[in-house]
């Protein structure tokens, strides 16, 4: 994109983002890289690092969670809630929906938190996602990538959305937007329209890195991102889109034309994050900390939760020319601007789910699920991609085999 076009786009984004707060945050799973449970101090360390990143283009004071249940507990509320209250971190709640017959334990844990912490907690909740990539896991691509992966169909997700709304109808959470997070190509699949009809916002996961066979070099990443976003936007029917996972690994093996490196992670940050997302649409970057030891690709932008990142987070005043087909802003119903544009798309496992996806599983994320003390799967952390643990592996850990979880 020429410098003049970048300037114009920036002005349009600023002019139209008038009525919705555009959150900045990261994803956070329930466990550490050794699969041990995260506790309050672990979440607090993450949240404080996120809020104090050197040269960040804004304050990363939001977090996306995957479950309300503390890892390996019998159903206690996740201790991320306490850490969020201590650090004033906003929360996109997650209700785990894959491989379960109901979400009763998730709802019970959240009700306990609401009753225990009250307004101090509920004032931090910005949204609720019922499920995470569940539709991807039962899609043709998801089953090719992981034949034993366990997800949930649109009818199940819609039912769970109804269950949540009924359970919290008379609480402080009744006015909080309820959504679902999935890969971009799932949203574009007409069979999943009942979920779009049922949600207040769409959570959008995409990783151009994994768009093998689609020209997935770092220089073409903006085109791949734009195509995925535009397809989701077309399916959304005007409903807001929150970017819930995207990023580029700093280390790991090459994936077709995609090369993990710190310079490439910086380029993706600049051309996707800075040019299209940050302070324009609600964005949860993947990621602050890597949590899946089996994932060969490492997406963390910091090492050991240092506030000095692996690369300079400063957004350039002029975006490099490789964003030649960068998105132009359009208005969503929430008032936040949304990127749209041309490009070639694709697939992929993580974040996109299309026919040429990664060999091990759903879009995102690597980590599968261990079990709670009660036998309920624990959404653990992980990055999207090759090193992801398949449902078969986690079947050995979980009573509900094949459950996936993102970081």
Protein backbone atom coordinates (compact mmCIF):
# COMPACT_ATOMS: atom_id res chain seq x y z
CA UNK A 1 0.00 0.00 0.00
CA UNK A 2 1.34 3.43 -0.86
CA UNK A 3 2.02 5.76 2.04
CA UNK A 4 -0.87 8.02 1.04
CA UNK A 5 -3.28 5.08 1.11
CA UNK A 6 -2.06 4.05 4.54
CA UNK A 7 -2.63 7.56 5.85
CA UNK A 8 -6.12 7.66 4.35
CA UNK A 9 -7.03 4.25 5.79
CA UNK A 10 -5.80 5.28 9.22
CA UNK A 11 -7.95 8.39 9.09
CA UNK A 12 -11.02 6.42 8.09
CA UNK A 13 -10.48 3.91 10.89
CA UNK A 14 -10.19 6.70 13.43
CA UNK A 15 -13.27 8.47 12.13
CA UNK A 16 -15.54 5.45 12.21
CA UNK A 17 -14.47 3.77 15.45
CA UNK A 18 -16.81 5.85 17.53
CA UNK A 19 -19.10 3.72 19.62
CA UNK A 20 -17.28 0.55 20.65
CA UNK A 21 -14.20 0.06 22.75
CA UNK A 22 -11.56 -1.78 20.75
CA UNK A 23 -9.96 -4.12 23.24
CA UNK A 24 -6.33 -5.17 23.10
CA UNK A 25 -5.40 -8.49 24.67
CA UNK A 26 -3.87 -11.94 24.43
CA UNK A 27 -5.16 -15.50 24.84
CA UNK A 28 -4.55 -17.40 28.06
CA UNK A 29 -5.09 -21.09 28.72
CA UNK A 30 -5.59 -22.93 31.97
CA UNK A 31 -2.19 -24.63 32.20
CA UNK A 32 1.54 -23.97 31.99
CA UNK A 33 3.93 -25.53 29.42
CA UNK A 34 4.47 -28.56 31.67
CA UNK A 35 0.66 -29.11 31.79
CA UNK A 36 0.52 -28.09 35.45
CA UNK A 37 -2.31 -25.79 36.46
CA UNK A 38 -1.98 -22.04 36.32
CA UNK A 39 -2.87 -20.31 39.57
CA UNK A 40 -3.61 -16.72 40.44
CA UNK A 41 0.07 -15.73 40.57
CA UNK A 42 0.68 -17.17 37.09
CA UNK A 43 -2.23 -15.30 35.54
CA UNK A 44 -1.27 -12.14 37.38
CA UNK A 45 2.27 -12.34 35.99
CA UNK A 46 0.86 -12.61 32.46
CA UNK A 47 -1.57 -9.74 32.89
CA UNK A 48 1.05 -7.41 34.37
CA UNK A 49 3.49 -8.18 31.57
CA UNK A 50 0.80 -7.56 28.96
CA UNK A 51 -0.04 -4.16 30.46
CA UNK A 52 3.59 -3.07 30.62
CA UNK A 53 5.00 -4.18 27.27
CA UNK A 54 7.69 -1.79 26.08
CA UNK A 55 6.59 0.32 23.06
CA UNK A 56 3.20 -1.37 22.80
CA UNK A 57 0.76 0.48 20.50
CA UNK A 58 -1.78 0.69 23.31
CA UNK A 59 -2.47 -0.99 26.64
CA UNK A 60 -3.01 -4.74 26.39
CA UNK A 61 -5.37 -4.92 29.34
CA UNK A 62 -7.77 -7.63 28.15
CA UNK A 63 -7.56 -11.41 28.14
CA UNK A 64 -9.39 -14.17 26.31
CA UNK A 65 -9.98 -17.30 28.41
CA UNK A 66 -11.14 -20.75 27.25
CA UNK A 67 -12.87 -21.98 30.39
CA UNK A 68 -14.37 -20.77 33.66
CA UNK A 69 -13.06 -23.81 35.56
CA UNK A 70 -9.78 -23.95 37.45
CA UNK A 71 -7.52 -26.65 36.00
CA UNK A 72 -7.70 -30.03 37.75
CA UNK A 73 -10.34 -28.80 40.19
CA UNK A 74 -13.79 -30.23 40.81
CA UNK A 75 -15.35 -27.11 39.34
CA UNK A 76 -13.89 -24.13 41.19
CA UNK A 77 -13.80 -20.82 39.28
CA UNK A 78 -10.57 -20.31 37.35
CA UNK A 79 -8.07 -18.23 39.33
CA UNK A 80 -7.60 -15.94 36.32
CA UNK A 81 -10.65 -14.12 37.67
CA UNK A 82 -8.84 -13.11 40.85
CA UNK A 83 -5.77 -12.03 38.88
CA UNK A 84 -7.95 -9.96 36.54
CA UNK A 85 -9.53 -8.14 39.47
CA UNK A 86 -6.11 -7.39 40.97
CA UNK A 87 -4.80 -5.99 37.66
CA UNK A 88 -8.02 -4.45 36.28
CA UNK A 89 -7.85 -6.75 33.26
CA UNK A 90 -10.95 -7.04 31.08
CA UNK A 91 -12.16 -10.57 30.36
CA UNK A 92 -13.55 -12.31 27.30
CA UNK A 93 -14.95 -15.34 29.10
CA UNK A 94 -14.77 -18.79 27.54
CA UNK A 95 -17.19 -21.67 27.98
CA UNK A 96 -15.65 -24.96 26.85
CA UNK A 97 -18.11 -26.74 24.55
CA UNK A 98 -16.27 -29.56 22.75
CA UNK A 99 -16.71 -33.17 23.78
CA UNK A 100 -19.24 -32.41 26.52
CA UNK A 101 -22.91 -33.26 26.87
CA UNK A 102 -23.73 -30.01 28.67
CA UNK A 103 -22.04 -26.88 30.00
CA UNK A 104 -23.46 -27.18 33.52
CA UNK A 105 -20.06 -27.22 35.24
CA UNK A 106 -18.91 -24.17 33.28
CA UNK A 107 -22.07 -22.32 34.26
CA UNK A 108 -21.77 -23.39 37.90
CA UNK A 109 -18.18 -22.15 38.12
CA UNK A 110 -19.13 -18.82 36.60
CA UNK A 111 -22.15 -18.44 38.89
CA UNK A 112 -19.87 -19.05 41.87
CA UNK A 113 -17.57 -16.29 40.66
CA UNK A 114 -20.46 -13.87 40.12
CA UNK A 115 -21.88 -14.59 43.58
CA UNK A 116 -18.48 -14.47 45.28
CA UNK A 117 -16.91 -11.43 43.63
CA UNK A 118 -19.95 -9.46 42.52
CA UNK A 119 -19.62 -6.20 40.64
CA UNK A 120 -15.84 -6.08 40.95
CA UNK A 121 -15.75 -9.16 38.71
CA UNK A 122 -18.74 -8.63 36.45
CA UNK A 123 -17.65 -5.08 35.54
CA UNK A 124 -14.54 -6.59 33.93
CA UNK A 125 -16.45 -9.01 31.68
CA UNK A 126 -16.63 -7.68 28.11
CA UNK A 127 -17.98 -10.76 26.36
CA UNK A 128 -18.69 -14.47 26.61
CA UNK A 129 -17.65 -17.00 23.98
CA UNK A 130 -19.66 -20.20 24.00
CA UNK A 131 -17.15 -22.64 22.56
CA UNK A 132 -13.87 -22.34 20.67
CA UNK A 133 -13.37 -23.86 17.21
CA UNK A 134 -15.89 -26.59 17.93
CA UNK A 135 -17.41 -26.26 14.45
CA UNK A 136 -13.99 -26.48 12.85
CA UNK A 137 -13.24 -29.78 14.57
CA UNK A 138 -16.23 -31.50 13.00
CA UNK A 139 -15.71 -29.91 9.58
CA UNK A 140 -14.26 -31.89 6.68
CA UNK A 141 -10.91 -30.17 7.06
CA UNK A 142 -10.88 -30.60 10.81
CA UNK A 143 -11.54 -34.32 10.51
CA UNK A 144 -8.86 -34.69 7.85
CA UNK A 145 -6.37 -32.94 10.12
CA UNK A 146 -7.44 -34.84 13.21
CA UNK A 147 -9.79 -37.80 12.60
CA UNK A 148 -10.26 -38.28 16.33
CA UNK A 149 -10.88 -34.65 17.18
CA UNK A 150 -14.06 -33.95 19.12
CA UNK A 151 -16.03 -30.80 18.42
CA UNK A 152 -19.68 -29.79 18.46
CA UNK A 153 -22.24 -29.11 15.77
CA UNK A 154 -24.15 -25.87 15.22
CA UNK A 155 -27.27 -27.21 16.92
CA UNK A 156 -25.23 -28.01 20.04
CA UNK A 157 -23.58 -24.58 20.11
CA UNK A 158 -26.94 -22.84 19.66
CA UNK A 159 -28.39 -24.90 22.52
CA UNK A 160 -25.44 -24.03 24.76
CA UNK A 161 -25.86 -20.34 23.92
CA UNK A 162 -29.49 -20.62 25.01
CA UNK A 163 -28.49 -22.45 28.18
CA UNK A 164 -26.06 -19.69 29.06
CA UNK A 165 -28.52 -16.88 28.43
CA UNK A 166 -31.20 -18.60 30.49
CA UNK A 167 -28.82 -19.27 33.38
CA UNK A 168 -27.66 -15.65 33.56
CA UNK A 169 -30.84 -13.87 32.51
CA UNK A 170 -31.28 -12.14 35.86
CA UNK A 171 -27.65 -11.35 36.60
CA UNK A 172 -25.18 -8.59 35.82
CA UNK A 173 -23.97 -10.67 32.86
CA UNK A 174 -27.34 -10.63 31.08
CA UNK A 175 -26.41 -7.55 29.02
CA UNK A 176 -22.91 -8.75 28.06
CA UNK A 177 -22.54 -9.80 24.38
CA UNK A 178 -22.48 -13.55 23.78
CA UNK A 179 -20.53 -14.97 20.86
CA UNK A 180 -18.72 -18.01 19.52
CA UNK A 181 -15.10 -18.31 18.37
CA UNK A 182 -14.19 -20.32 15.27
CA UNK A 183 -12.05 -20.39 12.16
CA UNK A 184 -12.85 -18.06 9.28
CA UNK A 185 -13.89 -20.74 6.81
CA UNK A 186 -16.35 -22.20 9.30
CA UNK A 187 -18.15 -18.86 9.44
CA UNK A 188 -18.35 -18.82 5.65
CA UNK A 189 -20.00 -22.28 5.64
CA UNK A 190 -23.76 -21.81 5.31
CA UNK A 191 -24.56 -24.83 7.46
CA UNK A 192 -23.31 -22.87 10.46
CA UNK A 193 -25.62 -19.89 9.93
CA UNK A 194 -27.80 -20.85 12.95
CA UNK A 195 -24.82 -20.03 15.15
CA UNK A 196 -24.37 -16.63 13.47
CA UNK A 197 -28.08 -15.96 14.03
CA UNK A 198 -27.74 -16.84 17.72
CA UNK A 199 -24.66 -14.76 18.62
CA UNK A 200 -24.06 -11.09 19.29
CA UNK A 201 -20.55 -11.18 17.80
CA UNK A 202 -18.34 -13.56 15.81
CA UNK A 203 -14.91 -14.54 17.14
CA UNK A 204 -12.52 -14.80 14.17
CA UNK A 205 -9.39 -17.02 14.20
CA UNK A 206 -6.97 -17.00 11.27
CA UNK A 207 -3.29 -17.81 10.71
CA UNK A 208 -1.93 -17.00 7.23
CA UNK A 209 1.20 -18.87 8.33
CA UNK A 210 -0.66 -22.17 7.85
CA UNK A 211 -2.21 -21.34 4.49
CA UNK A 212 -0.06 -23.90 2.70
CA UNK A 213 -0.54 -24.08 -1.04
CA UNK A 214 -1.86 -20.53 -1.10
CA UNK A 215 1.36 -18.55 -1.32
CA UNK A 216 1.75 -18.29 2.45
CA UNK A 217 4.97 -16.27 2.53
CA UNK A 218 5.16 -13.47 5.04
CA UNK A 219 4.87 -10.93 2.22
CA UNK A 220 1.54 -12.40 1.14
CA UNK A 221 0.16 -12.67 4.67
CA UNK A 222 -1.88 -9.44 4.41
CA UNK A 223 -3.66 -10.79 1.33
CA UNK A 224 -4.47 -14.07 3.04
CA UNK A 225 -5.68 -12.29 6.14
CA UNK A 226 -7.85 -9.93 4.11
CA UNK A 227 -9.50 -12.73 2.17
CA UNK A 228 -10.31 -14.61 5.37
CA UNK A 229 -11.70 -11.52 7.06
CA UNK A 230 -13.74 -10.52 4.05
CA UNK A 231 -15.32 -14.00 3.86
CA UNK A 232 -16.24 -13.81 7.53
CA UNK A 233 -17.57 -10.29 7.19
CA UNK A 234 -19.77 -11.37 4.27
CA UNK A 235 -21.26 -14.15 6.38
CA UNK A 236 -21.68 -12.05 9.52
CA UNK A 237 -24.70 -10.11 8.31
CA UNK A 238 -23.49 -6.91 9.92
CA UNK A 239 -22.74 -8.46 13.30
CA UNK A 240 -19.48 -7.36 14.97
CA UNK A 241 -16.33 -9.39 14.39
CA UNK A 242 -13.76 -9.75 17.15
CA UNK A 243 -10.32 -10.99 16.10
CA UNK A 244 -9.74 -13.66 18.70
CA UNK A 245 -6.58 -15.35 17.39
CA UNK A 246 -3.92 -14.42 14.90
CA UNK A 247 -0.13 -14.21 14.92
CA UNK A 248 3.10 -15.44 13.31
CA UNK A 249 5.64 -17.74 15.00
CA UNK A 250 9.10 -16.49 15.88
CA UNK A 251 10.64 -19.98 15.89
CA UNK A 252 9.86 -23.43 14.50
CA UNK A 253 10.01 -25.32 11.20
CA UNK A 254 9.01 -23.78 7.88
CA UNK A 255 5.43 -24.41 6.72
CA UNK A 256 5.35 -24.44 2.92
CA UNK A 257 6.48 -20.88 2.04
CA UNK A 258 6.01 -19.60 5.59
CA UNK A 259 9.19 -19.09 7.62
CA UNK A 260 9.12 -18.60 11.40
CA UNK A 261 11.51 -15.89 12.54
CA UNK A 262 11.59 -12.86 14.80
CA UNK A 263 11.78 -10.45 11.81
CA UNK A 264 8.76 -12.15 10.22
CA UNK A 265 6.82 -12.05 13.47
CA UNK A 266 7.58 -8.31 13.60
CA UNK A 267 6.47 -7.86 9.98
CA UNK A 268 3.18 -9.63 10.72
CA UNK A 269 2.69 -7.47 13.81
CA UNK A 270 3.22 -4.33 11.72
CA UNK A 271 1.23 -5.29 8.63
CA UNK A 272 -1.67 -7.09 10.30
CA UNK A 273 -1.76 -5.86 13.87
CA UNK A 274 -0.74 -2.23 13.39
CA UNK A 275 -2.22 -1.62 9.95
CA UNK A 276 -5.53 -3.46 10.38
CA UNK A 277 -6.39 -4.34 13.96
CA UNK A 278 -4.92 -2.54 16.95
CA UNK A 279 -7.28 0.12 18.27
CA UNK A 280 -9.60 -0.55 15.32
CA UNK A 281 -11.31 -3.85 16.18
CA UNK A 282 -11.33 -5.91 19.40
CA UNK A 283 -8.13 -7.97 19.10
CA UNK A 284 -6.69 -10.87 21.10
CA UNK A 285 -3.23 -11.62 19.71
CA UNK A 286 -1.70 -15.07 19.68
CA UNK A 287 0.26 -14.81 21.90
CA UNK A 288 2.05 -13.46 24.95
CA UNK A 289 3.25 -16.81 26.30
CA UNK A 290 3.54 -20.25 24.69
CA UNK A 291 1.82 -22.94 26.73
CA UNK A 292 2.02 -26.12 24.67
CA UNK A 293 5.36 -27.94 24.94
CA UNK A 294 4.44 -30.18 21.98
CA UNK A 295 3.99 -27.28 19.60
CA UNK A 296 7.07 -26.82 17.43
CA UNK A 297 5.97 -23.34 16.42
CA UNK A 298 6.42 -20.75 19.14
CA UNK A 299 4.16 -17.71 18.86
CA UNK A 300 5.04 -15.88 22.07
CA UNK A 301 6.16 -12.28 21.59
CA UNK A 302 8.07 -12.35 24.88
CA UNK A 303 10.44 -14.74 26.60
CA UNK A 304 9.83 -15.64 30.23
CA UNK A 305 7.16 -12.94 30.43
CA UNK A 306 9.69 -10.16 30.00
CA UNK A 307 8.12 -6.78 29.35
CA UNK A 308 10.81 -6.28 26.71
CA UNK A 309 9.47 -8.23 23.72
CA UNK A 310 11.40 -10.25 21.14
CA UNK A 311 10.93 -7.38 18.67
CA UNK A 312 10.06 -3.70 18.81
CA UNK A 313 6.29 -3.35 19.16
CA UNK A 314 6.31 0.22 17.90
CA UNK A 315 3.92 0.57 14.98
CA UNK A 316 5.50 2.14 11.89
CA UNK A 317 4.13 5.46 10.65
CA UNK A 318 4.16 4.04 7.13
CA UNK A 319 3.31 0.39 6.58
CA UNK A 320 5.75 -1.44 4.24
CA UNK A 321 4.72 -1.93 0.61
CA UNK A 322 4.03 -5.65 1.01
CA UNK A 323 0.57 -4.72 2.28
CA UNK A 324 -0.34 -3.72 -1.26
CA UNK A 325 -3.85 -5.08 -0.94
CA UNK A 326 -4.34 -4.15 2.65
CA UNK A 327 -7.83 -3.85 3.90
CA UNK A 328 -10.00 -0.81 3.74
CA UNK A 329 -12.17 -0.10 6.75
CA UNK A 330 -15.86 -0.74 6.92
CA UNK A 331 -18.33 -0.15 9.70
CA UNK A 332 -19.62 -2.95 11.89
CA UNK A 333 -22.79 -2.78 13.83
CA UNK A 334 -20.86 -2.23 17.02
CA UNK A 335 -19.36 0.95 15.71
CA UNK A 336 -15.86 -0.50 15.48
CA UNK A 337 -14.17 -0.50 12.12
CA UNK A 338 -13.43 -3.76 10.45
CA UNK A 339 -10.74 -4.68 7.98
CA UNK A 340 -11.76 -6.00 4.62
CA UNK A 341 -9.89 -6.48 1.42
CA UNK A 342 -8.71 -8.79 -1.24
CA UNK A 343 -6.25 -11.59 -1.20
CA UNK A 344 -5.98 -15.21 -1.60
CA UNK A 345 -7.10 -17.36 1.08
CA UNK A 346 -7.01 -20.34 2.51
CA UNK A 347 -6.98 -22.93 4.76
CA UNK A 348 -5.57 -24.01 7.33
CA UNK A 349 -5.34 -25.44 10.35
CA UNK A 350 -4.85 -22.96 12.67
CA UNK A 351 -7.14 -20.33 12.28
CA UNK A 352 -8.54 -21.14 9.12
CA UNK A 353 -9.58 -24.53 8.62
CA UNK A 354 -9.61 -25.18 4.98
CA UNK A 355 -8.77 -27.96 2.81
CA UNK A 356 -5.07 -27.67 3.01
CA UNK A 357 -4.80 -27.47 6.74
CA UNK A 358 -2.26 -28.66 9.22
CA UNK A 359 -1.86 -32.33 9.91
CA UNK A 360 -2.75 -32.29 13.52
CA UNK A 361 -5.85 -30.60 14.33
CA UNK A 362 -8.02 -27.77 14.50
CA UNK A 363 -7.28 -24.51 13.93
CA UNK A 364 -5.71 -23.35 16.58
CA UNK A 365 -4.36 -24.75 18.93
CA UNK A 366 -2.48 -27.02 20.03
CA UNK A 367 -3.32 -27.88 23.19
CA UNK A 368 -5.84 -30.41 23.84
CA UNK A 369 -7.42 -31.03 27.10
CA UNK A 370 -6.35 -32.69 30.25
CA UNK A 371 -9.01 -33.48 32.80
CA UNK A 372 -10.46 -31.68 35.75
CA UNK A 373 -10.71 -33.61 38.95
CA UNK A 374 -14.21 -34.42 37.86
CA UNK A 375 -13.16 -35.78 34.50
CA UNK A 376 -14.13 -32.65 32.61
CA UNK A 377 -11.66 -31.62 29.86
CA UNK A 378 -9.36 -28.73 30.76
CA UNK A 379 -8.73 -26.27 27.97
CA UNK A 380 -4.99 -25.87 28.08
CA UNK A 381 -2.79 -23.51 26.19
CA UNK A 382 -1.28 -23.98 22.83
CA UNK A 383 -0.55 -22.40 19.57
CA UNK A 384 -1.95 -23.20 16.29
CA UNK A 385 -0.06 -25.31 14.02
CA UNK A 386 2.02 -28.21 13.27
CA UNK A 387 3.14 -29.03 16.71
CA UNK A 388 -0.39 -29.17 17.93
CA UNK A 389 -1.38 -32.17 19.93
CA UNK A 390 -4.06 -34.16 18.23
CA UNK A 391 -7.26 -35.34 19.82
CA UNK A 392 -5.89 -38.85 19.85
CA UNK A 393 -3.03 -37.86 22.12
CA UNK A 394 -5.29 -35.94 24.43
CA UNK A 395 -7.69 -38.80 24.42
CA UNK A 396 -5.18 -40.49 26.67
CA UNK A 397 -5.40 -37.56 29.05
CA UNK A 398 -9.06 -36.71 28.94
CA UNK A 399 -12.14 -38.67 29.80
CA UNK A 400 -13.62 -37.00 26.78
CA UNK A 401 -11.08 -38.00 24.15
CA UNK A 402 -9.91 -35.63 21.51
CA UNK A 403 -10.97 -32.40 23.15
CA UNK A 404 -8.97 -29.49 21.82
CA UNK A 405 -8.14 -26.29 23.50
CA UNK A 406 -6.48 -23.14 22.52
CA UNK A 407 -4.20 -21.23 24.58
